[in-house]
C-alpha atoms as a PDB file:
ATOM      1  CA  UNK A   1       9.813  17.661 -22.978  1.00  0.00           C
ATOM      2  CA  UNK A   2      12.567  16.031 -25.082  1.00  0.00           C
ATOM      3  CA  UNK A   3      15.976  17.715 -25.105  1.00  0.00           C
ATOM      4  CA  UNK A   4      18.429  16.935 -27.902  1.00  0.00           C
ATOM      5  CA  UNK A   5      22.195  17.276 -27.432  1.00  0.00           C
ATOM      6  CA  UNK A   6      24.578  17.917 -30.347  1.00  0.00           C
ATOM      7  CA  UNK A   7      27.128  15.250 -31.356  1.00  0.00           C
ATOM      8  CA  UNK A   8      29.936  17.708 -30.489  1.00  0.00           C
ATOM      9  CA  UNK A   9      28.524  18.194 -26.995  1.00  0.00           C
ATOM     10  CA  UNK A  10      28.221  14.437 -26.560  1.00  0.00           C
ATOM     11  CA  UNK A  11      31.879  13.915 -27.474  1.00  0.00           C
ATOM     12  CA  UNK A  12      32.903  16.685 -25.091  1.00  0.00           C
ATOM     13  CA  UNK A  13      30.881  15.468 -22.121  1.00  0.00           C
ATOM     14  CA  UNK A  14      31.409  11.759 -22.717  1.00  0.00           C
ATOM     15  CA  UNK A  15      27.896  10.918 -21.531  1.00  0.00           C
ATOM     16  CA  UNK A  16      24.355  11.929 -22.355  1.00  0.00           C
ATOM     17  CA  UNK A  17      22.953  14.406 -19.849  1.00  0.00           C
ATOM     18  CA  UNK A  18      19.304  14.102 -20.856  1.00  0.00           C
ATOM     19  CA  UNK A  19      16.953  11.218 -21.519  1.00  0.00           C
ATOM     20  CA  UNK A  20      14.173  11.466 -24.065  1.00  0.00           C
ATOM     21  CA  UNK A  21      11.132  11.035 -21.848  1.00  0.00           C
ATOM     22  CA  UNK A  22       7.559  12.189 -21.461  1.00  0.00           C
ATOM     23  CA  UNK A  23       5.593  11.977 -18.220  1.00  0.00           C
ATOM     24  CA  UNK A  24       1.840  11.388 -17.971  1.00  0.00           C
ATOM     25  CA  UNK A  25      -0.499  11.347 -14.971  1.00  0.00           C
ATOM     26  CA  UNK A  26      -3.579   9.121 -14.731  1.00  0.00           C
ATOM     27  CA  UNK A  27      -6.266   8.249 -12.196  1.00  0.00           C
ATOM     28  CA  UNK A  28      -8.192   5.008 -11.648  1.00  0.00           C
ATOM     29  CA  UNK A  29     -10.981   3.974  -9.281  1.00  0.00           C
ATOM     30  CA  UNK A  30     -10.857   0.343  -8.183  1.00  0.00           C
ATOM     31  CA  UNK A  31     -13.537  -1.786  -6.508  1.00  0.00           C
ATOM     32  CA  UNK A  32     -12.628  -4.003  -3.564  1.00  0.00           C
ATOM     33  CA  UNK A  33     -11.545  -7.533  -4.461  1.00  0.00           C
ATOM     34  CA  UNK A  34     -12.462  -8.926  -1.027  1.00  0.00           C
ATOM     35  CA  UNK A  35     -13.606  -7.757   2.417  1.00  0.00           C
ATOM     36  CA  UNK A  36     -14.698  -9.262   5.716  1.00  0.00           C
ATOM     37  CA  UNK A  37     -15.165  -8.599   9.435  1.00  0.00           C
ATOM     38  CA  UNK A  38     -13.122  -9.982  12.313  1.00  0.00           C
ATOM     39  CA  UNK A  39     -15.581 -10.634  15.170  1.00  0.00           C
ATOM     40  CA  UNK A  40     -13.925 -11.045  18.562  1.00  0.00           C
ATOM     41  CA  UNK A  41     -14.635 -14.690  19.343  1.00  0.00           C
ATOM     42  CA  UNK A  42     -12.595 -17.007  21.567  1.00  0.00           C
ATOM     43  CA  UNK A  43     -13.460 -19.933  19.288  1.00  0.00           C
ATOM     44  CA  UNK A  44     -12.564 -18.036  16.100  1.00  0.00           C
ATOM     45  CA  UNK A  45     -15.691 -19.346  14.394  1.00  0.00           C
ATOM     46  CA  UNK A  46     -17.549 -16.153  13.396  1.00  0.00           C
ATOM     47  CA  UNK A  47     -17.291 -14.227  10.131  1.00  0.00           C
ATOM     48  CA  UNK A  48     -19.315 -12.404   7.439  1.00  0.00           C
ATOM     49  CA  UNK A  49     -17.525 -13.014   4.152  1.00  0.00           C
ATOM     50  CA  UNK A  50     -20.549 -12.642   1.877  1.00  0.00           C
ATOM     51  CA  UNK A  51     -22.455 -10.132   3.991  1.00  0.00           C
ATOM     52  CA  UNK A  52     -23.454  -6.647   2.841  1.00  0.00           C
ATOM     53  CA  UNK A  53     -21.629  -4.929   5.704  1.00  0.00           C
ATOM     54  CA  UNK A  54     -18.462  -4.908   7.768  1.00  0.00           C
ATOM     55  CA  UNK A  55     -17.953  -3.512  11.268  1.00  0.00           C
ATOM     56  CA  UNK A  56     -15.376  -1.667  13.384  1.00  0.00           C
ATOM     57  CA  UNK A  57     -15.148  -0.537  17.018  1.00  0.00           C
ATOM     58  CA  UNK A  58     -16.911  -2.177  19.944  1.00  0.00           C
ATOM     59  CA  UNK A  59     -20.508  -3.143  20.574  1.00  0.00           C
ATOM     60  CA  UNK A  60     -22.203  -3.024  23.982  1.00  0.00           C
ATOM     61  CA  UNK A  61     -21.715  -6.752  24.587  1.00  0.00           C
ATOM     62  CA  UNK A  62     -20.036  -7.710  27.855  1.00  0.00           C
ATOM     63  CA  UNK A  63     -17.616 -10.048  26.079  1.00  0.00           C
ATOM     64  CA  UNK A  64     -16.572 -10.482  22.454  1.00  0.00           C
ATOM     65  CA  UNK A  65     -17.462  -6.887  21.610  1.00  0.00           C
ATOM     66  CA  UNK A  66     -14.588  -5.884  19.277  1.00  0.00           C
ATOM     67  CA  UNK A  67     -15.052  -5.709  15.506  1.00  0.00           C
ATOM     68  CA  UNK A  68     -12.399  -5.050  12.825  1.00  0.00           C
ATOM     69  CA  UNK A  69     -12.999  -4.658   9.099  1.00  0.00           C
ATOM     70  CA  UNK A  70     -10.793  -6.030   6.330  1.00  0.00           C
ATOM     71  CA  UNK A  71     -10.621  -4.758   2.757  1.00  0.00           C
ATOM     72  CA  UNK A  72      -8.256  -5.406  -0.169  1.00  0.00           C
ATOM     73  CA  UNK A  73      -7.950  -4.196  -3.770  1.00  0.00           C
ATOM     74  CA  UNK A  74      -6.346  -5.937  -6.745  1.00  0.00           C
ATOM     75  CA  UNK A  75      -4.073  -3.456  -8.551  1.00  0.00           C
ATOM     76  CA  UNK A  76      -3.077  -5.801 -11.390  1.00  0.00           C
ATOM     77  CA  UNK A  77      -4.228  -4.552 -14.768  1.00  0.00           C
ATOM     78  CA  UNK A  78      -5.347  -1.216 -13.343  1.00  0.00           C
ATOM     79  CA  UNK A  79      -2.003   0.457 -12.585  1.00  0.00           C
ATOM     80  CA  UNK A  80       0.974  -0.266 -14.878  1.00  0.00           C
ATOM     81  CA  UNK A  81       4.121  -1.758 -13.333  1.00  0.00           C
ATOM     82  CA  UNK A  82       6.771   0.871 -12.686  1.00  0.00           C
ATOM     83  CA  UNK A  83       4.245   3.678 -12.181  1.00  0.00           C
ATOM     84  CA  UNK A  84       4.865   6.211  -9.417  1.00  0.00           C
ATOM     85  CA  UNK A  85       1.933   6.604  -7.026  1.00  0.00           C
ATOM     86  CA  UNK A  86       1.174  10.243  -6.202  1.00  0.00           C
ATOM     87  CA  UNK A  87      -2.216  10.188  -4.441  1.00  0.00           C
ATOM     88  CA  UNK A  88      -4.487   7.569  -2.806  1.00  0.00           C
ATOM     89  CA  UNK A  89      -7.956   7.831  -1.266  1.00  0.00           C
ATOM     90  CA  UNK A  90     -10.332   5.211   0.157  1.00  0.00           C
ATOM     91  CA  UNK A  91     -14.074   5.936   0.209  1.00  0.00           C
ATOM     92  CA  UNK A  92     -16.452   3.988   2.462  1.00  0.00           C
ATOM     93  CA  UNK A  93     -20.162   4.326   3.176  1.00  0.00           C
ATOM     94  CA  UNK A  94     -21.085   4.231   6.884  1.00  0.00           C
ATOM     95  CA  UNK A  95     -24.690   3.011   7.171  1.00  0.00           C
ATOM     96  CA  UNK A  96     -25.366   2.343  10.872  1.00  0.00           C
ATOM     97  CA  UNK A  97     -23.927   3.526  14.200  1.00  0.00           C
ATOM     98  CA  UNK A  98     -24.578   3.462  17.940  1.00  0.00           C
ATOM     99  CA  UNK A  99     -22.101   6.223  18.743  1.00  0.00           C
ATOM    100  CA  UNK A 100     -20.978   9.766  17.968  1.00  0.00           C
ATOM    101  CA  UNK A 101     -17.715  10.762  16.322  1.00  0.00           C
ATOM    102  CA  UNK A 102     -15.034   8.064  16.535  1.00  0.00           C
ATOM    103  CA  UNK A 103     -11.551   7.787  15.026  1.00  0.00           C
ATOM    104  CA  UNK A 104     -11.351   5.040  12.410  1.00  0.00           C
ATOM    105  CA  UNK A 105      -7.902   4.100  11.087  1.00  0.00           C
ATOM    106  CA  UNK A 106      -6.408   2.048   8.266  1.00  0.00           C
ATOM    107  CA  UNK A 107      -3.520  -0.305   9.059  1.00  0.00           C
ATOM    108  CA  UNK A 108      -1.556  -2.273   6.465  1.00  0.00           C
ATOM    109  CA  UNK A 109      -2.200  -6.023   6.850  1.00  0.00           C
ATOM    110  CA  UNK A 110       0.932  -8.181   6.862  1.00  0.00           C
ATOM    111  CA  UNK A 111      -0.518 -11.616   6.003  1.00  0.00           C
ATOM    112  CA  UNK A 112      -3.041 -12.936   3.495  1.00  0.00           C
ATOM    113  CA  UNK A 113      -6.633 -13.674   4.524  1.00  0.00           C
ATOM    114  CA  UNK A 114      -9.835 -15.039   3.077  1.00  0.00           C
ATOM    115  CA  UNK A 115     -13.432 -14.242   2.245  1.00  0.00           C
ATOM    116  CA  UNK A 116     -15.761 -17.234   2.516  1.00  0.00           C
ATOM    117  CA  UNK A 117     -19.496 -17.607   2.021  1.00  0.00           C
ATOM    118  CA  UNK A 118     -20.671 -16.760   5.555  1.00  0.00           C
ATOM    119  CA  UNK A 119     -23.577 -14.310   5.478  1.00  0.00           C
ATOM    120  CA  UNK A 120     -24.964 -12.791   8.662  1.00  0.00           C
ATOM    121  CA  UNK A 121     -28.638 -11.999   9.018  1.00  0.00           C
ATOM    122  CA  UNK A 122     -30.431  -8.915  10.321  1.00  0.00           C
ATOM    123  CA  UNK A 123     -28.130  -5.951  10.856  1.00  0.00           C
ATOM    124  CA  UNK A 124     -25.175  -8.387  10.662  1.00  0.00           C
ATOM    125  CA  UNK A 125     -23.514  -7.124  13.842  1.00  0.00           C
ATOM    126  CA  UNK A 126     -23.292 -10.590  15.402  1.00  0.00           C
ATOM    127  CA  UNK A 127     -21.826 -12.273  12.335  1.00  0.00           C
ATOM    128  CA  UNK A 128     -22.474 -15.802  11.093  1.00  0.00           C
ATOM    129  CA  UNK A 129     -20.815 -19.209  11.450  1.00  0.00           C
ATOM    130  CA  UNK A 130     -17.533 -19.092   9.536  1.00  0.00           C
ATOM    131  CA  UNK A 131     -17.232 -21.118   6.347  1.00  0.00           C
ATOM    132  CA  UNK A 132     -14.166 -22.548   4.600  1.00  0.00           C
ATOM    133  CA  UNK A 133     -11.424 -19.929   4.027  1.00  0.00           C
ATOM    134  CA  UNK A 134     -13.206 -17.157   5.944  1.00  0.00           C
ATOM    135  CA  UNK A 135     -11.091 -14.738   7.972  1.00  0.00           C
ATOM    136  CA  UNK A 136     -12.009 -14.866  11.659  1.00  0.00           C
ATOM    137  CA  UNK A 137     -10.616 -13.436  14.892  1.00  0.00           C
ATOM    138  CA  UNK A 138      -8.195 -16.375  15.076  1.00  0.00           C
ATOM    139  CA  UNK A 139      -7.922 -17.522  11.459  1.00  0.00           C
ATOM    140  CA  UNK A 140      -6.559 -16.060   8.263  1.00  0.00           C
ATOM    141  CA  UNK A 141      -8.281 -18.943   6.472  1.00  0.00           C
ATOM    142  CA  UNK A 142     -10.885 -20.831   8.499  1.00  0.00           C
ATOM    143  CA  UNK A 143     -10.273 -23.355   9.892  1.00  0.00           C
ATOM    144  CA  UNK A 144      -6.712 -24.298   8.910  1.00  0.00           C
ATOM    145  CA  UNK A 145      -4.470 -21.192   8.941  1.00  0.00           C
ATOM    146  CA  UNK A 146      -4.093 -18.950  11.993  1.00  0.00           C
ATOM    147  CA  UNK A 147      -3.090 -15.321  12.400  1.00  0.00           C
ATOM    148  CA  UNK A 148       0.146 -14.879  14.328  1.00  0.00           C
ATOM    149  CA  UNK A 149      -1.865 -12.788  16.798  1.00  0.00           C
ATOM    150  CA  UNK A 150      -5.578 -12.997  17.566  1.00  0.00           C
ATOM    151  CA  UNK A 151      -7.400 -10.140  15.856  1.00  0.00           C
ATOM    152  CA  UNK A 152      -5.156 -10.058  12.782  1.00  0.00           C
ATOM    153  CA  UNK A 153      -1.564  -9.336  11.758  1.00  0.00           C
ATOM    154  CA  UNK A 154      -1.030  -5.699  10.783  1.00  0.00           C
ATOM    155  CA  UNK A 155       1.215  -2.679  11.165  1.00  0.00           C
ATOM    156  CA  UNK A 156       0.796  -0.855  14.473  1.00  0.00           C
ATOM    157  CA  UNK A 157       1.260   2.458  12.644  1.00  0.00           C
ATOM    158  CA  UNK A 158      -1.913   3.709  10.936  1.00  0.00           C
ATOM    159  CA  UNK A 159      -1.649   4.571   7.268  1.00  0.00           C
ATOM    160  CA  UNK A 160      -4.536   7.041   7.645  1.00  0.00           C
ATOM    161  CA  UNK A 161      -7.160   8.090  10.196  1.00  0.00           C
ATOM    162  CA  UNK A 162     -10.548   9.750   9.861  1.00  0.00           C
ATOM    163  CA  UNK A 163     -13.254  10.861  12.304  1.00  0.00           C
ATOM    164  CA  UNK A 164     -16.509   9.057  11.505  1.00  0.00           C
ATOM    165  CA  UNK A 165     -19.706  10.481  13.004  1.00  0.00           C
ATOM    166  CA  UNK A 166     -23.180  10.099  11.495  1.00  0.00           C
ATOM    167  CA  UNK A 167     -24.382   8.043   8.561  1.00  0.00           C
ATOM    168  CA  UNK A 168     -22.743   9.090   5.299  1.00  0.00           C
ATOM    169  CA  UNK A 169     -19.805   8.793   2.905  1.00  0.00           C
ATOM    170  CA  UNK A 170     -16.279   9.130   4.327  1.00  0.00           C
ATOM    171  CA  UNK A 171     -12.901   9.409   2.592  1.00  0.00           C
ATOM    172  CA  UNK A 172      -9.451   8.552   3.956  1.00  0.00           C
ATOM    173  CA  UNK A 173      -6.392  10.167   2.361  1.00  0.00           C
ATOM    174  CA  UNK A 174      -4.458  11.039   0.559  1.00  0.00           C
ATOM    175  CA  UNK A 175      -1.665  10.421   3.101  1.00  0.00           C
ATOM    176  CA  UNK A 176       1.998   9.510   2.793  1.00  0.00           C
ATOM    177  CA  UNK A 177       1.216   6.189   4.475  1.00  0.00           C
ATOM    178  CA  UNK A 178      -1.472   5.246   1.952  1.00  0.00           C
ATOM    179  CA  UNK A 179       0.751   6.272  -0.980  1.00  0.00           C
ATOM    180  CA  UNK A 180       3.575   4.146   0.456  1.00  0.00           C
ATOM    181  CA  UNK A 181       1.237   1.158   0.882  1.00  0.00           C
ATOM    182  CA  UNK A 182      -0.050   1.271  -2.693  1.00  0.00           C
ATOM    183  CA  UNK A 183       3.454   1.818  -4.086  1.00  0.00           C
ATOM    184  CA  UNK A 184       4.688  -1.230  -2.167  1.00  0.00           C
ATOM    185  CA  UNK A 185       1.760  -3.354  -3.338  1.00  0.00           C
ATOM    186  CA  UNK A 186       2.330  -2.266  -6.934  1.00  0.00           C
ATOM    187  CA  UNK A 187       6.062  -2.995  -6.795  1.00  0.00           C
ATOM    188  CA  UNK A 188       5.626  -6.229  -4.809  1.00  0.00           C
ATOM    189  CA  UNK A 189       2.161  -7.686  -5.545  1.00  0.00           C
ATOM    190  CA  UNK A 190       2.801 -10.646  -3.240  1.00  0.00           C
ATOM    191  CA  UNK A 191       2.704  -8.228  -0.275  1.00  0.00           C
ATOM    192  CA  UNK A 192      -0.759  -6.833  -1.096  1.00  0.00           C
ATOM    193  CA  UNK A 193      -3.019  -7.970   1.745  1.00  0.00           C
ATOM    194  CA  UNK A 194      -5.011  -4.752   2.028  1.00  0.00           C
ATOM    195  CA  UNK A 195      -5.940  -2.814   5.153  1.00  0.00           C
ATOM    196  CA  UNK A 196      -7.586  -3.657   8.442  1.00  0.00           C
ATOM    197  CA  UNK A 197     -10.046  -0.947   9.487  1.00  0.00           C
ATOM    198  CA  UNK A 198      -9.942  -0.266  13.210  1.00  0.00           C
ATOM    199  CA  UNK A 199     -12.326   1.922  15.200  1.00  0.00           C
ATOM    200  CA  UNK A 200     -12.317   3.064  18.826  1.00  0.00           C
ATOM    201  CA  UNK A 201     -11.652  -0.068  20.880  1.00  0.00           C
ATOM    202  CA  UNK A 202     -11.017   1.699  24.188  1.00  0.00           C
ATOM    203  CA  UNK A 203     -14.691   1.673  25.241  1.00  0.00           C
ATOM    204  CA  UNK A 204     -17.917  -0.166  24.521  1.00  0.00           C
ATOM    205  CA  UNK A 205     -20.667   1.288  22.372  1.00  0.00           C
ATOM    206  CA  UNK A 206     -18.355   2.738  19.682  1.00  0.00           C
ATOM    207  CA  UNK A 207     -19.161   0.487  16.733  1.00  0.00           C
ATOM    208  CA  UNK A 208     -19.688   1.661  13.154  1.00  0.00           C
ATOM    209  CA  UNK A 209     -21.143  -0.337  10.265  1.00  0.00           C
ATOM    210  CA  UNK A 210     -19.731   0.163   6.762  1.00  0.00           C
ATOM    211  CA  UNK A 211     -21.124  -1.174   3.504  1.00  0.00           C
ATOM    212  CA  UNK A 212     -19.131  -3.995   1.907  1.00  0.00           C
ATOM    213  CA  UNK A 213     -18.394  -4.897  -1.712  1.00  0.00           C
ATOM    214  CA  UNK A 214     -21.452  -7.189  -1.636  1.00  0.00           C
ATOM    215  CA  UNK A 215     -23.798  -4.329  -0.666  1.00  0.00           C
ATOM    216  CA  UNK A 216     -26.927  -4.158  -2.778  1.00  0.00           C
ATOM    217  CA  UNK A 217     -26.267  -0.463  -3.523  1.00  0.00           C
ATOM    218  CA  UNK A 218     -23.275  -0.308  -5.858  1.00  0.00           C
ATOM    219  CA  UNK A 219     -22.557   3.350  -5.100  1.00  0.00           C
ATOM    220  CA  UNK A 220     -21.989   2.480  -1.418  1.00  0.00           C
ATOM    221  CA  UNK A 221     -19.332  -0.168  -2.010  1.00  0.00           C
ATOM    222  CA  UNK A 222     -15.659   0.509  -1.073  1.00  0.00           C
ATOM    223  CA  UNK A 223     -13.768   2.544  -3.682  1.00  0.00           C
ATOM    224  CA  UNK A 224     -10.012   3.012  -3.972  1.00  0.00           C
ATOM    225  CA  UNK A 225      -8.930   5.993  -6.087  1.00  0.00           C
ATOM    226  CA  UNK A 226      -5.280   6.121  -7.141  1.00  0.00           C
ATOM    227  CA  UNK A 227      -3.451   8.845  -9.052  1.00  0.00           C
ATOM    228  CA  UNK A 228      -0.153   7.799 -10.612  1.00  0.00           C
ATOM    229  CA  UNK A 229       2.420   8.987 -13.115  1.00  0.00           C
ATOM    230  CA  UNK A 230       4.231   7.023 -15.804  1.00  0.00           C
ATOM    231  CA  UNK A 231       7.283   7.881 -17.874  1.00  0.00           C
ATOM    232  CA  UNK A 232       7.521   6.925 -21.524  1.00  0.00           C
ATOM    233  CA  UNK A 233      10.969   6.744 -23.083  1.00  0.00           C
ATOM    234  CA  UNK A 234      11.637   7.487 -26.759  1.00  0.00           C
ATOM    235  CA  UNK A 235      13.430   4.307 -27.790  1.00  0.00           C
ATOM    236  CA  UNK A 236      14.802   6.028 -30.910  1.00  0.00           C
ATOM    237  CA  UNK A 237      17.101   8.157 -28.741  1.00  0.00           C
ATOM    238  CA  UNK A 238      19.783   6.831 -26.381  1.00  0.00           C
ATOM    239  CA  UNK A 239      19.354   6.589 -22.623  1.00  0.00           C
ATOM    240  CA  UNK A 240      21.289   8.684 -20.126  1.00  0.00           C
ATOM    241  CA  UNK A 241      23.147   7.595 -17.052  1.00  0.00           C
ATOM    242  CA  UNK A 242      20.783   8.999 -14.418  1.00  0.00           C
ATOM    243  CA  UNK A 243      19.721   8.425 -10.823  1.00  0.00           C
ATOM    244  CA  UNK A 244      16.328   9.825  -9.835  1.00  0.00           C
ATOM    245  CA  UNK A 245      15.027  10.932  -6.446  1.00  0.00           C
ATOM    246  CA  UNK A 246      13.361   8.121  -4.541  1.00  0.00           C
ATOM    247  CA  UNK A 247       9.582   8.164  -4.084  1.00  0.00           C
ATOM    248  CA  UNK A 248       8.034   8.621  -1.642  1.00  0.00           C
ATOM    249  CA  UNK A 249      10.555  10.693   0.303  1.00  0.00           C
ATOM    250  CA  UNK A 250      10.416  10.859   3.304  1.00  0.00           C
ATOM    251  CA  UNK A 251       9.170   7.249   3.468  1.00  0.00           C
ATOM    252  CA  UNK A 252       8.129   4.509   5.916  1.00  0.00           C
ATOM    253  CA  UNK A 253       9.151   1.752   5.515  1.00  0.00           C
ATOM    254  CA  UNK A 254       9.425   1.255   1.724  1.00  0.00           C
ATOM    255  CA  UNK A 255      10.526   3.517  -1.097  1.00  0.00           C
ATOM    256  CA  UNK A 256      11.241   3.126  -4.803  1.00  0.00           C
ATOM    257  CA  UNK A 257      14.355   4.251  -6.721  1.00  0.00           C
ATOM    258  CA  UNK A 258      14.606   4.653 -10.493  1.00  0.00           C
ATOM    259  CA  UNK A 259      17.734   4.890 -12.592  1.00  0.00           C
ATOM    260  CA  UNK A 260      18.826   4.654 -16.209  1.00  0.00           C
ATOM    261  CA  UNK A 261      21.950   3.213 -17.775  1.00  0.00           C
ATOM    262  CA  UNK A 262      23.401   4.407 -21.086  1.00  0.00           C
ATOM    263  CA  UNK A 263      24.973   1.035 -21.918  1.00  0.00           C
ATOM    264  CA  UNK A 264      25.102  -2.566 -20.722  1.00  0.00           C
ATOM    265  CA  UNK A 265      27.374  -2.555 -17.697  1.00  0.00           C
ATOM    266  CA  UNK A 266      27.938  -3.800 -14.184  1.00  0.00           C
ATOM    267  CA  UNK A 267      25.833  -1.675 -11.825  1.00  0.00           C
ATOM    268  CA  UNK A 268      25.703  -1.371  -8.065  1.00  0.00           C
ATOM    269  CA  UNK A 269      23.159   0.524  -5.995  1.00  0.00           C
ATOM    270  CA  UNK A 270      23.992   0.742  -2.304  1.00  0.00           C
ATOM    271  CA  UNK A 271      22.597   2.443   0.797  1.00  0.00           C
ATOM    272  CA  UNK A 272      24.872   4.208   3.304  1.00  0.00           C
ATOM    273  CA  UNK A 273      24.221   5.823   6.676  1.00  0.00           C
ATOM    274  CA  UNK A 274      25.543   9.266   7.610  1.00  0.00           C
ATOM    275  CA  UNK A 275      28.744   7.681   8.912  1.00  0.00           C
ATOM    276  CA  UNK A 276      29.473   6.349   5.440  1.00  0.00           C
ATOM    277  CA  UNK A 277      28.800   2.756   6.468  1.00  0.00           C
ATOM    278  CA  UNK A 278      27.118   0.519   3.899  1.00  0.00           C
ATOM    279  CA  UNK A 279      23.800  -0.766   5.282  1.00  0.00           C
ATOM    280  CA  UNK A 280      22.240  -2.401   2.205  1.00  0.00           C
ATOM    281  CA  UNK A 281      23.057  -3.493  -1.343  1.00  0.00           C
ATOM    282  CA  UNK A 282      20.035  -3.270  -3.627  1.00  0.00           C
ATOM    283  CA  UNK A 283      21.699  -3.966  -6.981  1.00  0.00           C
ATOM    284  CA  UNK A 284      24.952  -5.778  -7.808  1.00  0.00           C
ATOM    285  CA  UNK A 285      24.619  -7.182 -11.318  1.00  0.00           C
ATOM    286  CA  UNK A 286      25.232  -6.663 -15.017  1.00  0.00           C
ATOM    287  CA  UNK A 287      22.227  -4.744 -16.378  1.00  0.00           C
ATOM    288  CA  UNK A 288      21.041  -3.845 -19.848  1.00  0.00           C
ATOM    289  CA  UNK A 289      20.780  -0.222 -21.001  1.00  0.00           C
ATOM    290  CA  UNK A 290      17.535   1.540 -20.171  1.00  0.00           C
ATOM    291  CA  UNK A 291      15.319   2.263 -17.201  1.00  0.00           C
ATOM    292  CA  UNK A 292      15.414   0.203 -14.003  1.00  0.00           C
ATOM    293  CA  UNK A 293      13.362   0.290 -10.794  1.00  0.00           C
ATOM    294  CA  UNK A 294      14.253  -1.104  -7.366  1.00  0.00           C
ATOM    295  CA  UNK A 295      12.503  -0.976  -3.985  1.00  0.00           C
ATOM    296  CA  UNK A 296      14.080  -0.693  -0.544  1.00  0.00           C
ATOM    297  CA  UNK A 297      12.226  -2.010   2.499  1.00  0.00           C
ATOM    298  CA  UNK A 298      13.824  -0.313   5.516  1.00  0.00           C
ATOM    299  CA  UNK A 299      11.586  -1.908   8.140  1.00  0.00           C
ATOM    300  CA  UNK A 300      14.642  -3.059  10.113  1.00  0.00           C
ATOM    301  CA  UNK A 301      16.423   0.316   9.981  1.00  0.00           C
ATOM    302  CA  UNK A 302      16.318   3.313  12.337  1.00  0.00           C
ATOM    303  CA  UNK A 303      14.773   6.631  11.364  1.00  0.00           C
ATOM    304  CA  UNK A 304      17.171   9.120   9.852  1.00  0.00           C
ATOM    305  CA  UNK A 305      18.991  10.336   6.769  1.00  0.00           C
ATOM    306  CA  UNK A 306      20.618   7.848   4.368  1.00  0.00           C
ATOM    307  CA  UNK A 307      22.449   8.128   1.055  1.00  0.00           C
ATOM    308  CA  UNK A 308      22.011   5.901  -1.986  1.00  0.00           C
ATOM    309  CA  UNK A 309      24.780   5.611  -4.566  1.00  0.00           C
ATOM    310  CA  UNK A 310      24.648   4.259  -8.109  1.00  0.00           C
ATOM    311  CA  UNK A 311      27.876   3.150  -9.818  1.00  0.00           C
ATOM    312  CA  UNK A 312      27.962   1.926 -13.417  1.00  0.00           C
ATOM    313  CA  UNK A 313      30.329   2.244 -16.356  1.00  0.00           C
ATOM    314  CA  UNK A 314      32.795   4.350 -14.389  1.00  0.00           C
ATOM    315  CA  UNK A 315      30.085   6.874 -13.441  1.00  0.00           C
ATOM    316  CA  UNK A 316      28.773   7.605  -9.938  1.00  0.00           C
ATOM    317  CA  UNK A 317      25.612   9.366  -8.758  1.00  0.00           C
ATOM    318  CA  UNK A 318      24.471   9.875  -5.165  1.00  0.00           C
ATOM    319  CA  UNK A 319      21.235  11.133  -3.608  1.00  0.00           C
ATOM    320  CA  UNK A 320      19.800  11.549  -0.107  1.00  0.00           C
ATOM    321  CA  UNK A 321      16.693   9.859   1.299  1.00  0.00           C
ATOM    322  CA  UNK A 322      14.916  10.137   4.659  1.00  0.00           C
ATOM    323  CA  UNK A 323      13.338   7.316   6.670  1.00  0.00           C
ATOM    324  CA  UNK A 324      10.690   8.890   8.933  1.00  0.00           C
ATOM    325  CA  UNK A 325       8.878   6.556  11.313  1.00  0.00           C
END
């Protein structure tokens, strides 16, 4: 809805109270851009970059039994920059298992990785010799670039979890963690390394096989479904000075803040703790009139309530946000 304010009211208030905006919600389904399996291997020489399947959990092998899946999605061109993510789901097809119900979780990967041309035979559970740029248990890119930790670099906190039992289609989400991940990847594309898929690794005989993006059956390939909202501004009407509620909120560890300026001015956007101490400066620059978006990564901060304050053109606006780990 667009609200118009009379010229008399504008002179009285000294600032526009409403922006001329319309909000629209859209949904897209995105195919995986790459996937792979990390096979526990002391030599770091096993992979399945071009295979039809990826694996999680543990096999019944005495050694080298752990499997972890990797999957990533390219958001560029599918979700417009500045959009607000409202819902995220991941759908996978589980096509082979040696166990009953097991918890399978998604964890945000913190370093880039590769998908080579390795292609395992048979049921693919043992993998194949890694090829150039494959991800392996030791390598992000075989055989030149290592993970910081064997088995992959990823957040210890799951973004989503799901119980996987018999053969079939399974969906993760929507969860606050998945929404936060996609929002971060949209706002900072250079941080988009996808998820590692981790099954039950506490006991042998828990493995699950999922179909990969190379699977011969297109309907069984990984699908990411994202719902997002966008705001269109009527450029024929002036902007307001406004500070919007951050999204998501509560958040962990990243959140996005939007604000509008009525005129070109020096703007500052700062974060304060409940003691009134400044803990971060997100904006300190001369900005043009219009809408602006900024992201805060609070990975080095403690859980709790914080305040964010926008100052520009002699105006001040403050809102509360909650970091929940």
